[in-house]
Amino acid sequence: YYEELLLVLKQGLDNDIVNEYENMLKNNKDIFK
């Protein structure tokens, strides 16, 4: 699920925003379970 979402984000957003989102996922994995 995360990987598909990140692929979509990478197509539509700047790398900086994607990197921030990836860090958010890493820091808040419990929220997305």
PDB file of N, CA and C in Angstrom:
ATOM      1  N   TYR A   1       0.839  -1.211   0.000  1.00  0.00           N
ATOM      2  CA  TYR A   1       0.000   0.000   0.000  1.00  0.00           C
ATOM      3  C   TYR A   1       0.870   1.255   0.000  1.00  0.00           C
ATOM      4  N   TYR A   2       1.850   1.277   0.899  1.00  0.00           N
ATOM      5  CA  TYR A   2       2.715   2.459   0.997  1.00  0.00           C
ATOM      6  C   TYR A   2       3.453   2.688  -0.316  1.00  0.00           C
ATOM      7  N   GLU A   3       3.912   1.609  -0.921  1.00  0.00           N
ATOM      8  CA  GLU A   3       4.739   1.745  -2.124  1.00  0.00           C
ATOM      9  C   GLU A   3       3.940   2.331  -3.278  1.00  0.00           C
ATOM     10  N   GLU A   4       2.680   1.853  -3.439  1.00  0.00           N
ATOM     11  CA  GLU A   4       1.842   2.396  -4.509  1.00  0.00           C
ATOM     12  C   GLU A   4       1.576   3.872  -4.283  1.00  0.00           C
ATOM     13  N   LEU A   5       1.292   4.225  -3.037  1.00  0.00           N
ATOM     14  CA  LEU A   5       1.009   5.621  -2.702  1.00  0.00           C
ATOM     15  C   LEU A   5       2.223   6.496  -2.970  1.00  0.00           C
ATOM     16  N   LEU A   6       3.401   5.998  -2.604  1.00  0.00           N
ATOM     17  CA  LEU A   6       4.628   6.773  -2.832  1.00  0.00           C
ATOM     18  C   LEU A   6       4.901   6.937  -4.325  1.00  0.00           C
ATOM     19  N   LEU A   7       4.600   5.912  -5.113  1.00  0.00           N
ATOM     20  CA  LEU A   7       4.817   6.028  -6.559  1.00  0.00           C
ATOM     21  C   LEU A   7       3.936   7.120  -7.139  1.00  0.00           C
ATOM     22  N   VAL A   8       2.676   7.175  -6.686  1.00  0.00           N
ATOM     23  CA  VAL A   8       1.758   8.208  -7.168  1.00  0.00           C
ATOM     24  C   VAL A   8       2.259   9.584  -6.745  1.00  0.00           C
ATOM     25  N   LEU A   9       2.703   9.681  -5.495  1.00  0.00           N
ATOM     26  CA  LEU A   9       3.194  10.968  -4.999  1.00  0.00           C
ATOM     27  C   LEU A   9       4.420  11.415  -5.775  1.00  0.00           C
ATOM     28  N   LYS A  10       5.300  10.481  -6.089  1.00  0.00           N
ATOM     29  CA  LYS A  10       6.532  10.840  -6.797  1.00  0.00           C
ATOM     30  C   LYS A  10       6.221  11.351  -8.201  1.00  0.00           C
ATOM     31  N   GLN A  11       5.123  10.878  -8.782  1.00  0.00           N
ATOM     32  CA  GLN A  11       4.767  11.338 -10.131  1.00  0.00           C
ATOM     33  C   GLN A  11       4.212  12.751 -10.087  1.00  0.00           C
ATOM     34  N   GLY A  12       3.581  13.131  -8.962  1.00  0.00           N
ATOM     35  CA  GLY A  12       2.872  14.399  -8.916  1.00  0.00           C
ATOM     36  C   GLY A  12       3.515  15.474  -8.054  1.00  0.00           C
ATOM     37  N   LEU A  13       4.476  15.120  -7.236  1.00  0.00           N
ATOM     38  CA  LEU A  13       5.030  16.088  -6.301  1.00  0.00           C
ATOM     39  C   LEU A  13       6.541  16.210  -6.449  1.00  0.00           C
ATOM     40  N   ASP A  14       7.072  17.300  -5.936  1.00  0.00           N
ATOM     41  CA  ASP A  14       8.525  17.493  -5.952  1.00  0.00           C
ATOM     42  C   ASP A  14       9.194  16.502  -5.013  1.00  0.00           C
ATOM     43  N   ASN A  15      10.456  16.216  -5.257  1.00  0.00           N
ATOM     44  CA  ASN A  15      11.178  15.230  -4.449  1.00  0.00           C
ATOM     45  C   ASN A  15      11.230  15.634  -2.984  1.00  0.00           C
ATOM     46  N   ASP A  16      11.339  16.925  -2.724  1.00  0.00           N
ATOM     47  CA  ASP A  16      11.418  17.375  -1.336  1.00  0.00           C
ATOM     48  C   ASP A  16      10.159  16.985  -0.578  1.00  0.00           C
ATOM     49  N   ILE A  17       9.006  17.166  -1.218  1.00  0.00           N
ATOM     50  CA  ILE A  17       7.737  16.846  -0.555  1.00  0.00           C
ATOM     51  C   ILE A  17       7.636  15.339  -0.346  1.00  0.00           C
ATOM     52  N   VAL A  18       8.072  14.583  -1.349  1.00  0.00           N
ATOM     53  CA  VAL A  18       8.033  13.121  -1.239  1.00  0.00           C
ATOM     54  C   VAL A  18       8.936  12.651  -0.109  1.00  0.00           C
ATOM     55  N   ASN A  19      10.120  13.240  -0.021  1.00  0.00           N
ATOM     56  CA  ASN A  19      11.055  12.850   1.032  1.00  0.00           C
ATOM     57  C   ASN A  19      10.463  13.136   2.400  1.00  0.00           C
ATOM     58  N   GLU A  20       9.795  14.282   2.531  1.00  0.00           N
ATOM     59  CA  GLU A  20       9.157  14.606   3.809  1.00  0.00           C
ATOM     60  C   GLU A  20       8.085  13.577   4.136  1.00  0.00           C
ATOM     61  N   TYR A  21       7.299  13.194   3.123  1.00  0.00           N
ATOM     62  CA  TYR A  21       6.224  12.223   3.342  1.00  0.00           C
ATOM     63  C   TYR A  21       6.804  10.863   3.729  1.00  0.00           C
ATOM     64  N   GLU A  22       7.874  10.464   3.064  1.00  0.00           N
ATOM     65  CA  GLU A  22       8.506   9.182   3.390  1.00  0.00           C
ATOM     66  C   GLU A  22       9.000   9.187   4.831  1.00  0.00           C
ATOM     67  N   ASN A  23       9.600  10.304   5.254  1.00  0.00           N
ATOM     68  CA  ASN A  23      10.067  10.409   6.636  1.00  0.00           C
ATOM     69  C   ASN A  23       8.894  10.327   7.595  1.00  0.00           C
ATOM     70  N   MET A  24       7.773  10.959   7.211  1.00  0.00           N
ATOM     71  CA  MET A  24       6.574  10.903   8.043  1.00  0.00           C
ATOM     72  C   MET A  24       6.110   9.457   8.216  1.00  0.00           C
ATOM     73  N   LEU A  25       6.118   8.700   7.116  1.00  0.00           N
ATOM     74  CA  LEU A  25       5.697   7.302   7.194  1.00  0.00           C
ATOM     75  C   LEU A  25       6.631   6.504   8.103  1.00  0.00           C
ATOM     76  N   LYS A  26       7.909   6.739   7.977  1.00  0.00           N
ATOM     77  CA  LYS A  26       8.877   5.994   8.788  1.00  0.00           C
ATOM     78  C   LYS A  26       8.693   6.317  10.266  1.00  0.00           C
ATOM     79  N   ASN A  27       8.388   7.580  10.559  1.00  0.00           N
ATOM     80  CA  ASN A  27       8.272   8.008  11.949  1.00  0.00           C
ATOM     81  C   ASN A  27       6.909   7.690  12.551  1.00  0.00           C
ATOM     82  N   ASN A  28       5.909   7.396  11.706  1.00  0.00           N
ATOM     83  CA  ASN A  28       4.544   7.227  12.207  1.00  0.00           C
ATOM     84  C   ASN A  28       3.879   5.976  11.642  1.00  0.00           C
ATOM     85  N   LYS A  29       4.651   4.900  11.507  1.00  0.00           N
ATOM     86  CA  LYS A  29       4.109   3.676  10.920  1.00  0.00           C
ATOM     87  C   LYS A  29       2.873   3.189  11.685  1.00  0.00           C
ATOM     88  N   ASP A  30       2.851   3.370  13.005  1.00  0.00           N
ATOM     89  CA  ASP A  30       1.731   2.865  13.801  1.00  0.00           C
ATOM     90  C   ASP A  30       0.418   3.511  13.374  1.00  0.00           C
ATOM     91  N   ILE A  31       0.467   4.759  12.958  1.00  0.00           N
ATOM     92  CA  ILE A  31      -0.752   5.480  12.584  1.00  0.00           C
ATOM     93  C   ILE A  31      -1.376   4.852  11.341  1.00  0.00           C
ATOM     94  N   PHE A  32      -0.552   4.313  10.445  1.00  0.00           N
ATOM     95  CA  PHE A  32      -1.049   3.858   9.152  1.00  0.00           C
ATOM     96  C   PHE A  32      -1.376   2.364   9.133  1.00  0.00           C
ATOM     97  N   LYS A  33      -1.300   1.713  10.273  1.00  0.00           N
ATOM     98  CA  LYS A  33      -1.586   0.274  10.301  1.00  0.00           C
ATOM     99  C   LYS A  33      -3.090   0.026  10.170  1.00  0.00           C
TER     100      LYS A  33
END
